[in-house]
Protein backbone atom coordinates (compact mmCIF):
# COMPACT_ATOMS: atom_id res chain seq x y z
CA UNK A 1 -52.79 -38.74 -55.75
CA UNK A 2 -54.41 -38.27 -59.18
CA UNK A 3 -57.17 -40.76 -58.27
CA UNK A 4 -58.22 -38.47 -55.15
CA UNK A 5 -58.07 -35.41 -57.84
CA UNK A 6 -60.30 -37.30 -59.97
CA UNK A 7 -62.99 -37.80 -57.19
CA UNK A 8 -63.50 -34.46 -56.43
CA UNK A 9 -63.93 -33.21 -59.88
CA UNK A 10 -66.62 -35.97 -60.37
CA UNK A 11 -68.32 -34.75 -57.31
CA UNK A 12 -68.05 -31.40 -58.47
CA UNK A 13 -69.48 -32.26 -61.57
CA UNK A 14 -72.62 -33.78 -60.10
CA UNK A 15 -73.03 -30.81 -57.80
CA UNK A 16 -73.41 -28.27 -60.50
CA UNK A 17 -76.51 -30.54 -61.84
CA UNK A 18 -78.05 -30.38 -58.80
CA UNK A 19 -77.53 -26.76 -57.42
CA UNK A 20 -74.75 -23.75 -57.71
CA UNK A 21 -72.20 -24.81 -55.42
CA UNK A 22 -69.53 -22.55 -53.94
CA UNK A 23 -65.92 -23.47 -55.33
CA UNK A 24 -63.55 -23.91 -52.54
CA UNK A 25 -59.71 -24.64 -53.61
CA UNK A 26 -57.60 -26.14 -50.48
CA UNK A 27 -54.16 -24.71 -50.59
CA UNK A 28 -51.86 -26.91 -48.66
CA UNK A 29 -47.89 -26.70 -48.14
CA UNK A 30 -48.24 -30.56 -47.49
CA UNK A 31 -45.15 -30.61 -44.67
CA UNK A 32 -44.17 -34.23 -44.13
CA UNK A 33 -45.06 -33.76 -40.37
CA UNK A 34 -48.75 -33.77 -41.44
CA UNK A 35 -48.55 -37.78 -41.56
CA UNK A 36 -48.53 -37.87 -37.48
CA UNK A 37 -52.26 -36.95 -37.85
CA UNK A 38 -53.35 -37.52 -41.72
CA UNK A 39 -52.84 -40.38 -43.88
CA UNK A 40 -53.41 -38.29 -47.14
CA UNK A 41 -52.17 -34.47 -45.89
CA UNK A 42 -53.80 -32.35 -43.93
CA UNK A 43 -55.37 -30.05 -46.86
CA UNK A 44 -56.36 -33.34 -48.55
CA UNK A 45 -58.25 -34.32 -45.33
CA UNK A 46 -60.06 -30.92 -45.18
CA UNK A 47 -61.17 -31.07 -48.72
CA UNK A 48 -62.39 -34.65 -48.35
CA UNK A 49 -64.54 -33.83 -45.24
CA UNK A 50 -65.91 -30.73 -46.50
CA UNK A 51 -66.95 -32.77 -49.97
CA UNK A 52 -68.80 -35.11 -47.80
CA UNK A 53 -71.12 -32.14 -46.53
CA UNK A 54 -72.94 -32.25 -49.81
CA UNK A 55 -73.19 -30.76 -53.08
CA UNK A 56 -73.44 -27.01 -52.04
CA UNK A 57 -69.68 -27.14 -51.82
CA UNK A 58 -67.17 -28.02 -54.62
CA UNK A 59 -63.73 -28.82 -53.66
CA UNK A 60 -60.28 -29.20 -55.34
CA UNK A 61 -57.14 -29.60 -53.45
CA UNK A 62 -53.77 -28.40 -54.52
CA UNK A 63 -50.23 -28.11 -53.02
CA UNK A 64 -47.14 -25.69 -53.12
CA UNK A 65 -45.31 -27.99 -55.23
CA UNK A 66 -47.84 -28.18 -57.69
CA UNK A 67 -47.45 -26.05 -61.00
CA UNK A 68 -47.23 -22.38 -60.33
CA UNK A 69 -47.13 -23.40 -56.59
CA UNK A 70 -50.75 -24.66 -56.32
CA UNK A 71 -52.14 -21.32 -57.87
CA UNK A 72 -52.82 -21.61 -61.48
CA UNK A 73 -54.67 -19.17 -63.20
CA UNK A 74 -57.54 -21.42 -63.73
CA UNK A 75 -58.13 -22.49 -60.39
CA UNK A 76 -57.90 -18.93 -59.04
CA UNK A 77 -60.60 -17.86 -61.32
CA UNK A 78 -62.99 -20.84 -60.77
CA UNK A 79 -62.62 -20.33 -56.88
CA UNK A 80 -65.01 -18.51 -54.94
CA UNK A 81 -63.20 -19.31 -51.60
CA UNK A 82 -59.38 -20.35 -50.87
CA UNK A 83 -58.81 -22.21 -47.79
CA UNK A 84 -54.89 -21.80 -46.84
CA UNK A 85 -52.92 -23.99 -44.51
CA UNK A 86 -49.15 -23.27 -44.19
CA UNK A 87 -46.78 -23.65 -41.46
CA UNK A 88 -43.08 -24.15 -42.40
CA UNK A 89 -42.64 -23.03 -45.87
CA UNK A 90 -44.13 -19.82 -46.06
CA UNK A 91 -40.96 -18.14 -47.48
CA UNK A 92 -41.37 -20.52 -50.31
CA UNK A 93 -44.33 -18.93 -52.01
CA UNK A 94 -43.53 -15.80 -54.25
CA UNK A 95 -44.33 -12.52 -53.36
CA UNK A 96 -46.05 -12.55 -56.81
CA UNK A 97 -48.24 -15.38 -56.21
CA UNK A 98 -49.29 -14.00 -52.70
CA UNK A 99 -50.29 -10.79 -54.47
CA UNK A 100 -52.31 -12.39 -57.05
CA UNK A 101 -54.29 -13.59 -54.30
CA UNK A 102 -54.68 -10.48 -52.49
CA UNK A 103 -55.81 -8.98 -55.58
CA UNK A 104 -58.79 -11.28 -56.32
CA UNK A 105 -59.79 -10.74 -52.85
CA UNK A 106 -59.53 -6.81 -53.46
CA UNK A 107 -61.64 -6.98 -56.50
CA UNK A 108 -64.50 -9.34 -54.61
CA UNK A 109 -63.71 -12.40 -56.77
CA UNK A 110 -62.03 -14.41 -53.93
CA UNK A 111 -62.42 -14.66 -50.13
CA UNK A 112 -59.79 -15.94 -48.14
CA UNK A 113 -60.02 -18.25 -45.09
CA UNK A 114 -56.41 -18.90 -43.34
CA UNK A 115 -55.94 -21.66 -40.94
CA UNK A 116 -53.80 -21.52 -37.63
CA UNK A 117 -50.11 -20.95 -38.66
CA UNK A 118 -51.16 -19.26 -41.83
CA UNK A 119 -50.97 -15.85 -39.61
CA UNK A 120 -47.55 -15.76 -41.04
CA UNK A 121 -48.39 -16.79 -44.75
CA UNK A 122 -47.84 -14.13 -47.29
CA UNK A 123 -51.15 -13.89 -48.69
CA UNK A 124 -52.70 -13.15 -44.96
CA UNK A 125 -49.88 -10.74 -44.18
CA UNK A 126 -50.41 -8.61 -47.41
CA UNK A 127 -54.07 -8.47 -46.87
CA UNK A 128 -53.39 -7.41 -43.28
CA UNK A 129 -50.72 -4.43 -44.40
CA UNK A 130 -53.49 -3.65 -47.12
CA UNK A 131 -56.09 -3.22 -44.28
CA UNK A 132 -53.70 -1.57 -41.78
CA UNK A 133 -52.97 1.17 -44.52
CA UNK A 134 -56.50 2.01 -45.34
CA UNK A 135 -57.35 2.34 -41.75
CA UNK A 136 -54.49 4.59 -41.20
CA UNK A 137 -55.41 6.82 -44.03
CA UNK A 138 -59.07 6.74 -43.03
CA UNK A 139 -57.93 7.37 -39.24
CA UNK A 140 -56.22 10.86 -40.44
CA UNK A 141 -58.58 11.82 -42.93
CA UNK A 142 -61.29 11.96 -40.05
CA UNK A 143 -59.20 13.47 -37.17
CA UNK A 144 -57.40 15.91 -39.91
CA UNK A 145 -59.86 17.04 -42.42
CA UNK A 146 -58.75 19.00 -45.82
CA UNK A 147 -54.88 18.72 -44.54
CA UNK A 148 -52.30 16.62 -45.98
CA UNK A 149 -50.68 13.57 -44.69
CA UNK A 150 -47.43 12.14 -45.81
CA UNK A 151 -47.40 8.32 -44.82
CA UNK A 152 -44.59 6.02 -44.37
CA UNK A 153 -45.64 2.35 -43.55
CA UNK A 154 -42.71 0.53 -41.40
CA UNK A 155 -42.43 -3.26 -41.56
CA UNK A 156 -41.76 -5.26 -38.43
CA UNK A 157 -38.07 -5.83 -37.70
CA UNK A 158 -37.97 -9.17 -39.56
CA UNK A 159 -40.57 -11.43 -41.55
CA UNK A 160 -41.79 -13.95 -39.04
CA UNK A 161 -40.05 -12.77 -35.80
CA UNK A 162 -42.12 -12.84 -32.60
CA UNK A 163 -43.17 -9.68 -30.50
CA UNK A 164 -42.45 -9.89 -26.80
CA UNK A 165 -44.63 -9.10 -24.23
CA UNK A 166 -44.55 -5.25 -23.48
CA UNK A 167 -43.74 -4.22 -27.19
CA UNK A 168 -46.11 -1.74 -28.74
CA UNK A 169 -48.76 -3.49 -30.33
CA UNK A 170 -49.21 -3.24 -33.97
CA UNK A 171 -50.58 -2.01 -36.25
CA UNK A 172 -49.29 1.23 -34.45
CA UNK A 173 -50.25 5.10 -35.81
CA UNK A 174 -48.14 7.74 -34.99
CA UNK A 175 -48.73 11.36 -36.95
CA UNK A 176 -47.34 14.92 -36.59
CA UNK A 177 -47.65 18.26 -37.67
CA UNK A 178 -44.62 19.12 -40.11
CA UNK A 179 -45.62 22.66 -41.49
CA UNK A 180 -48.66 24.25 -41.82
CA UNK A 181 -51.44 21.89 -43.13
CA UNK A 182 -48.78 19.51 -43.95
CA UNK A 183 -48.23 16.10 -41.35
CA UNK A 184 -46.23 13.32 -41.48
CA UNK A 185 -47.63 9.86 -40.51
CA UNK A 186 -45.78 6.85 -39.51
CA UNK A 187 -47.61 3.64 -39.38
CA UNK A 188 -46.01 0.36 -38.33
CA UNK A 189 -47.45 -2.35 -40.30
CA UNK A 190 -48.96 -5.49 -38.14
CA UNK A 191 -46.36 -7.99 -36.92
CA UNK A 192 -49.12 -10.75 -37.51
CA UNK A 193 -47.97 -12.66 -34.60
CA UNK A 194 -48.07 -12.98 -30.99
CA UNK A 195 -45.81 -13.31 -27.88
CA UNK A 196 -46.65 -16.84 -26.74
CA UNK A 197 -47.27 -20.31 -28.30
CA UNK A 198 -46.98 -23.75 -26.67
CA UNK A 199 -47.46 -26.90 -28.88
CA UNK A 200 -48.09 -29.55 -25.94
CA UNK A 201 -51.50 -30.68 -27.37
CA UNK A 202 -53.19 -29.57 -24.34
CA UNK A 203 -56.97 -29.12 -24.99
CA UNK A 204 -58.71 -25.60 -25.80
CA UNK A 205 -62.05 -24.44 -25.26
CA UNK A 206 -63.55 -22.70 -28.33
CA UNK A 207 -66.27 -20.25 -27.20
CA UNK A 208 -69.06 -18.28 -29.78
CA UNK A 209 -68.76 -14.79 -29.47
CA UNK A 210 -71.24 -14.18 -32.03
CA UNK A 211 -73.89 -16.82 -32.04
CA UNK A 212 -76.07 -15.43 -34.60
CA UNK A 213 -73.46 -15.37 -37.25
CA UNK A 214 -73.64 -17.79 -40.24
CA UNK A 215 -70.23 -19.16 -39.46
CA UNK A 216 -71.62 -20.28 -35.99
CA UNK A 217 -74.81 -22.15 -37.63
CA UNK A 218 -75.41 -25.64 -35.88
CA UNK A 219 -72.73 -25.21 -33.08
CA UNK A 220 -72.86 -25.26 -29.47
CA UNK A 221 -72.09 -21.92 -27.03
CA UNK A 222 -68.70 -23.68 -26.03
CA UNK A 223 -66.95 -26.91 -27.64
CA UNK A 224 -63.54 -28.38 -26.64
CA UNK A 225 -60.61 -28.98 -29.16
CA UNK A 226 -59.07 -32.23 -27.36
CA UNK A 227 -55.63 -31.70 -28.84
CA UNK A 228 -54.48 -28.21 -30.17
CA UNK A 229 -51.72 -25.74 -29.76
CA UNK A 230 -51.88 -22.80 -27.68
CA UNK A 231 -51.56 -19.29 -29.11
CA UNK A 232 -51.85 -16.12 -26.55
CA UNK A 233 -52.83 -12.61 -27.12
CA UNK A 234 -51.96 -9.86 -28.03
CA UNK A 235 -52.25 -10.60 -31.62
CA UNK A 236 -50.74 -8.30 -33.71
CA UNK A 237 -53.05 -7.62 -36.24
CA UNK A 238 -55.69 -4.63 -37.56
CA UNK A 239 -59.11 -4.47 -35.27
CA UNK A 240 -61.32 -7.11 -37.08
CA UNK A 241 -64.72 -6.24 -38.17
CA UNK A 242 -66.14 -8.72 -36.30
CA UNK A 243 -65.12 -11.74 -33.98
CA UNK A 244 -66.98 -14.99 -34.03
CA UNK A 245 -64.67 -17.22 -31.68
CA UNK A 246 -62.68 -16.97 -28.59
CA UNK A 247 -60.37 -19.67 -27.25
CA UNK A 248 -59.06 -20.14 -24.00
CA UNK A 249 -56.82 -22.71 -21.93
CA UNK A 250 -56.61 -23.92 -18.21
CA UNK A 251 -53.65 -21.86 -17.71
CA UNK A 252 -55.45 -18.65 -18.64
CA UNK A 253 -54.17 -17.83 -21.83
CA UNK A 254 -56.84 -16.55 -24.45
CA UNK A 255 -56.98 -15.67 -28.04
CA UNK A 256 -59.42 -14.31 -30.63
CA UNK A 257 -59.65 -17.44 -32.64
CA UNK A 258 -62.26 -16.65 -35.27
CA UNK A 259 -61.74 -13.09 -36.69
CA UNK A 260 -63.17 -11.51 -40.04
CA UNK A 261 -61.89 -8.31 -41.86
CA UNK A 262 -63.18 -6.23 -44.73
CA UNK A 263 -60.35 -6.43 -47.33
CA UNK A 264 -61.60 -4.22 -50.51
CA UNK A 265 -64.59 -5.72 -51.93
CA UNK A 266 -63.71 -9.49 -50.25
CA UNK A 267 -63.25 -10.92 -47.14
CA UNK A 268 -60.60 -12.55 -44.97
CA UNK A 269 -61.54 -15.05 -41.96
CA UNK A 270 -58.84 -16.23 -39.80
CA UNK A 271 -59.58 -19.48 -37.79
CA UNK A 272 -56.98 -20.20 -35.05
CA UNK A 273 -57.31 -23.81 -33.82
CA UNK A 274 -54.78 -26.00 -35.16
CA UNK A 275 -51.19 -27.64 -35.76
CA UNK A 276 -50.58 -30.34 -38.21
CA UNK A 277 -49.67 -33.24 -35.74
CA UNK A 278 -53.11 -33.01 -34.02
CA UNK A 279 -56.20 -34.54 -35.61
CA UNK A 280 -58.45 -31.08 -35.16
CA UNK A 281 -59.37 -30.95 -38.65
CA UNK A 282 -61.20 -34.72 -38.55
CA UNK A 283 -63.39 -33.24 -35.65
CA UNK A 284 -66.89 -32.39 -37.06
CA UNK A 285 -67.31 -29.32 -35.40
CA UNK A 286 -64.42 -27.80 -36.95
CA UNK A 287 -65.33 -29.03 -40.18
CA UNK A 288 -68.66 -27.66 -39.66
CA UNK A 289 -66.96 -24.07 -39.04
CA UNK A 290 -65.17 -24.62 -42.46
CA UNK A 291 -68.32 -25.31 -44.20
CA UNK A 292 -70.23 -22.67 -42.50
CA UNK A 293 -67.60 -20.25 -43.61
CA UNK A 294 -67.25 -21.16 -46.90
CA UNK A 295 -70.80 -21.09 -47.83
CA UNK A 296 -71.18 -17.67 -46.04
CA UNK A 297 -68.26 -16.14 -48.00
CA UNK A 298 -68.86 -18.05 -51.20
CA UNK A 299 -72.82 -16.90 -51.44
CA UNK A 300 -71.88 -13.13 -50.15
C-alpha cells in the first residue's frame, strides 16, 4: 500500500509542473467485500483510473482506518474535491470528523462527491440537514415576512432506517400560528433514503437530463451500467438545484442518479450507480463522469 501511495504523490508532483491540477481526495471505508470486484479496494481503483486521465487531476487515496479516519488536516487543506465511498461502516466515522468535512464545504474550501450508498454517510446527511434548515427558513421568510418563526428540527426515527412507500416524504415543513405574529415551524429532516433497493446486479440505464452540463461532457445521451444495485424513488432529500442523470431499470423503477446541491459556498454532487461487488468503477464512462465532476467542482 505504501508503494501505491507513493505512485500518486509522484504523479501529483509532475502534474504541478505541467499545470495547476484539481486536488482530489478519495475516501473509502475499504470494506472486505470489495475484493469481489476490486483487487486493491474500490477507492484505490477510482483514484488510479482518475490519475490515468491526465495531469489535470492530482489524486490521493485514503481510508477509514488511516490516522484520523483518513481525514488528517493536511489532506483536507490540500483537497479541492472529496470523493466519498461508504457502505457498511457509516457509524464508525465520528460526528466531529463529519462536521469538519461539512465546515469546509460551507466555506467553499471543499466540494463533496458522494457515491451510491454514501447517501447514508454522515458528511452527506449533515449537508442535507444543513440545506433543509436553510430552505425551511427561506420558505418561512418568503411566506411570512416580518414575522417570527420558532423552528424545531426533527430527526428521522433512527439513523439508517428505510422509509416505506406512503410515508410523508422528507424533508417536510409544517408551520402554524402561535399568537399574534409568532409562529411555530416544525421541520422533519430528510431520511436520506428511499423505500426500495435490489442488489441483484441487473443492468440499469443512465440517461442524461442536462446534456449541456460540464459533468455530462463527452457522454452519450444514454448509457448502460451492466451490473448495479437498484434504488427506487422517492429519495428523501431536499430538492436538488440540478438533476444531471436519471436511472431506470427494466422492472419500471427510476431514480434521480446525479444531483447537485449548493451547500453554503460549496457544492455536493450525489452520483448513485454502485455496489462494491460489481465492477462499476472500471467502466470508462463512469470514470469519465467522476473526472468531469471533479474538474468542474474543483475549478468552480
